[in-house]
Amino acid sequence: MNAWLAVALGSALGGVARYGIARLWPWVPGGWPMATMTVNVLGSFAIGLLSVVVAGRAGGAETARLFWMTGVLGGFTTYSAFALETVTLAGAGEAMRAAA
């Protein structure tokens, strides 16, 4: 049960952080989706960094991994927003931006 709770709480925090960044840096269809790109790059970097840190710890490492990497950073980064914005750019005739 601790694993489920760790993922749920972490996802809530990561999702709220992601939403906050999207509200501060809104995406305009046809423009470059900077908020999505930023959270995905930062989140991916943080997952890589934390995987090394958590892998080196014993004991509660699994719960920490689930909370931070699966929960917080999984909720923070979002493939679905990336995919939607890419399709929207392509549909708006911005093929080069969509490809980038």
C-alpha atoms as a PDB file:
ATOM      1  CA  MET A   1       0.000   0.000   0.000  1.00  0.00           C
ATOM      2  CA  ASN A   2       2.904   2.380   0.643  1.00  0.00           C
ATOM      3  CA  ALA A   3       3.935   2.081  -3.008  1.00  0.00           C
ATOM      4  CA  TRP A   4       0.505   3.132  -4.271  1.00  0.00           C
ATOM      5  CA  LEU A   5       0.380   6.048  -1.854  1.00  0.00           C
ATOM      6  CA  ALA A   6       3.897   7.181  -2.796  1.00  0.00           C
ATOM      7  CA  VAL A   7       3.010   7.224  -6.499  1.00  0.00           C
ATOM      8  CA  ALA A   8      -0.344   8.939  -5.901  1.00  0.00           C
ATOM      9  CA  LEU A   9       1.074  11.722  -3.732  1.00  0.00           C
ATOM     10  CA  GLY A  10       4.060  12.230  -5.994  1.00  0.00           C
ATOM     11  CA  SER A  11       1.864  12.371  -9.093  1.00  0.00           C
ATOM     12  CA  ALA A  12      -0.353  14.983  -7.474  1.00  0.00           C
ATOM     13  CA  LEU A  13       2.643  17.180  -6.691  1.00  0.00           C
ATOM     14  CA  GLY A  14       4.220  16.739 -10.108  1.00  0.00           C
ATOM     15  CA  GLY A  15       0.932  17.383 -11.896  1.00  0.00           C
ATOM     16  CA  VAL A  16       0.333  20.591  -9.946  1.00  0.00           C
ATOM     17  CA  ALA A  17       3.869  21.782 -10.740  1.00  0.00           C
ATOM     18  CA  ARG A  18       3.347  20.975 -14.430  1.00  0.00           C
ATOM     19  CA  TYR A  19       0.025  22.822 -14.461  1.00  0.00           C
ATOM     20  CA  GLY A  20       1.604  25.836 -12.761  1.00  0.00           C
ATOM     21  CA  ILE A  21       4.345  26.081 -15.362  1.00  0.00           C
ATOM     22  CA  ALA A  22       1.809  25.745 -18.180  1.00  0.00           C
ATOM     23  CA  ARG A  23      -0.251  28.582 -16.653  1.00  0.00           C
ATOM     24  CA  LEU A  24       2.805  30.811 -16.273  1.00  0.00           C
ATOM     25  CA  TRP A  25       4.058  30.017 -19.768  1.00  0.00           C
ATOM     26  CA  PRO A  26       0.953  29.299 -21.885  1.00  0.00           C
ATOM     27  CA  TRP A  27       1.222  27.661 -25.264  1.00  0.00           C
ATOM     28  CA  VAL A  28      -0.257  29.451 -28.248  1.00  0.00           C
ATOM     29  CA  PRO A  29      -1.286  27.035 -31.028  1.00  0.00           C
ATOM     30  CA  GLY A  30       1.146  27.465 -33.890  1.00  0.00           C
ATOM     31  CA  GLY A  31       3.842  28.730 -31.518  1.00  0.00           C
ATOM     32  CA  TRP A  32       6.661  26.822 -29.897  1.00  0.00           C
ATOM     33  CA  PRO A  33       5.480  24.822 -26.825  1.00  0.00           C
ATOM     34  CA  MET A  34       8.209  26.056 -24.466  1.00  0.00           C
ATOM     35  CA  ALA A  35       6.522  24.969 -21.221  1.00  0.00           C
ATOM     36  CA  THR A  36       6.140  21.369 -22.409  1.00  0.00           C
ATOM     37  CA  MET A  37       9.647  21.234 -23.805  1.00  0.00           C
ATOM     38  CA  THR A  38      11.101  22.735 -20.625  1.00  0.00           C
ATOM     39  CA  VAL A  39       9.332  20.397 -18.206  1.00  0.00           C
ATOM     40  CA  ASN A  40      10.149  17.354 -20.323  1.00  0.00           C
ATOM     41  CA  VAL A  41      13.846  18.237 -20.609  1.00  0.00           C
ATOM     42  CA  LEU A  42      14.144  19.164 -16.914  1.00  0.00           C
ATOM     43  CA  GLY A  43      12.109  16.153 -15.836  1.00  0.00           C
ATOM     44  CA  SER A  44      14.140  13.745 -17.954  1.00  0.00           C
ATOM     45  CA  PHE A  45      17.386  15.182 -16.615  1.00  0.00           C
ATOM     46  CA  ALA A  46      16.093  14.923 -13.035  1.00  0.00           C
ATOM     47  CA  ILE A  47      14.971  11.311 -13.565  1.00  0.00           C
ATOM     48  CA  GLY A  48      18.443  10.435 -14.842  1.00  0.00           C
ATOM     49  CA  LEU A  49      20.125  12.180 -11.929  1.00  0.00           C
ATOM     50  CA  LEU A  50      17.808  10.689  -9.328  1.00  0.00           C
ATOM     51  CA  SER A  51      18.123   7.204 -10.764  1.00  0.00           C
ATOM     52  CA  VAL A  52      21.835   7.311  -9.920  1.00  0.00           C
ATOM     53  CA  VAL A  53      21.227   8.730  -6.433  1.00  0.00           C
ATOM     54  CA  VAL A  54      18.375   6.361  -5.538  1.00  0.00           C
ATOM     55  CA  ALA A  55      20.172   3.337  -7.007  1.00  0.00           C
ATOM     56  CA  GLY A  56      23.048   3.959  -4.616  1.00  0.00           C
ATOM     57  CA  ARG A  57      20.854   3.908  -1.493  1.00  0.00           C
ATOM     58  CA  ALA A  58      19.583   0.944   0.456  1.00  0.00           C
ATOM     59  CA  GLY A  59      16.468   0.530   2.586  1.00  0.00           C
ATOM     60  CA  GLY A  60      13.663   2.856   1.485  1.00  0.00           C
ATOM     61  CA  ALA A  61      15.088   3.275  -2.013  1.00  0.00           C
ATOM     62  CA  GLU A  62      12.085   1.636  -3.714  1.00  0.00           C
ATOM     63  CA  THR A  63       9.554   3.930  -2.046  1.00  0.00           C
ATOM     64  CA  ALA A  64      11.741   6.967  -2.776  1.00  0.00           C
ATOM     65  CA  ARG A  65      12.086   5.886  -6.400  1.00  0.00           C
ATOM     66  CA  LEU A  66       8.335   5.434  -6.757  1.00  0.00           C
ATOM     67  CA  PHE A  67       7.574   8.786  -5.111  1.00  0.00           C
ATOM     68  CA  TRP A  68      10.142  10.909  -6.952  1.00  0.00           C
ATOM     69  CA  MET A  69      10.639   9.263 -10.331  1.00  0.00           C
ATOM     70  CA  THR A  70       7.310   7.563 -11.031  1.00  0.00           C
ATOM     71  CA  GLY A  71       5.159  10.005  -9.066  1.00  0.00           C
ATOM     72  CA  VAL A  72       6.556  13.529  -8.985  1.00  0.00           C
ATOM     73  CA  LEU A  73       8.594  13.480 -12.185  1.00  0.00           C
ATOM     74  CA  GLY A  74       6.140  11.212 -14.012  1.00  0.00           C
ATOM     75  CA  GLY A  75       3.354  13.678 -13.186  1.00  0.00           C
ATOM     76  CA  PHE A  76       5.580  16.648 -14.018  1.00  0.00           C
ATOM     77  CA  THR A  77       6.634  15.443 -17.456  1.00  0.00           C
ATOM     78  CA  THR A  78       3.898  14.510 -19.830  1.00  0.00           C
ATOM     79  CA  TYR A  79       4.079  12.727 -23.114  1.00  0.00           C
ATOM     80  CA  SER A  80       0.412  13.357 -23.864  1.00  0.00           C
ATOM     81  CA  ALA A  81       0.825  17.159 -23.909  1.00  0.00           C
ATOM     82  CA  PHE A  82       3.921  16.769 -26.095  1.00  0.00           C
ATOM     83  CA  ALA A  83       2.017  14.525 -28.526  1.00  0.00           C
ATOM     84  CA  LEU A  84      -1.029  16.813 -28.660  1.00  0.00           C
ATOM     85  CA  GLU A  85       1.047  19.924 -29.285  1.00  0.00           C
ATOM     86  CA  THR A  86       3.039  18.147 -32.010  1.00  0.00           C
ATOM     87  CA  VAL A  87      -0.124  17.018 -33.809  1.00  0.00           C
ATOM     88  CA  THR A  88      -1.652  20.491 -33.444  1.00  0.00           C
ATOM     89  CA  LEU A  89       1.466  22.113 -34.906  1.00  0.00           C
ATOM     90  CA  ALA A  90       1.466  19.695 -37.837  1.00  0.00           C
ATOM     91  CA  GLY A  91      -2.242  20.300 -38.434  1.00  0.00           C
ATOM     92  CA  ALA A  92      -1.660  24.062 -38.436  1.00  0.00           C
ATOM     93  CA  GLY A  93       0.867  23.723 -41.260  1.00  0.00           C
ATOM     94  CA  GLU A  94       3.901  24.042 -38.948  1.00  0.00           C
ATOM     95  CA  ALA A  95       5.551  20.793 -40.060  1.00  0.00           C
ATOM     96  CA  MET A  96       9.099  21.931 -39.270  1.00  0.00           C
ATOM     97  CA  ARG A  97       8.177  22.999 -35.738  1.00  0.00           C
ATOM     98  CA  ALA A  98       6.284  19.756 -35.211  1.00  0.00           C
ATOM     99  CA  ALA A  99       9.308  17.762 -36.396  1.00  0.00           C
ATOM    100  CA  ALA A 100      11.643  19.736 -34.135  1.00  0.00           C
END
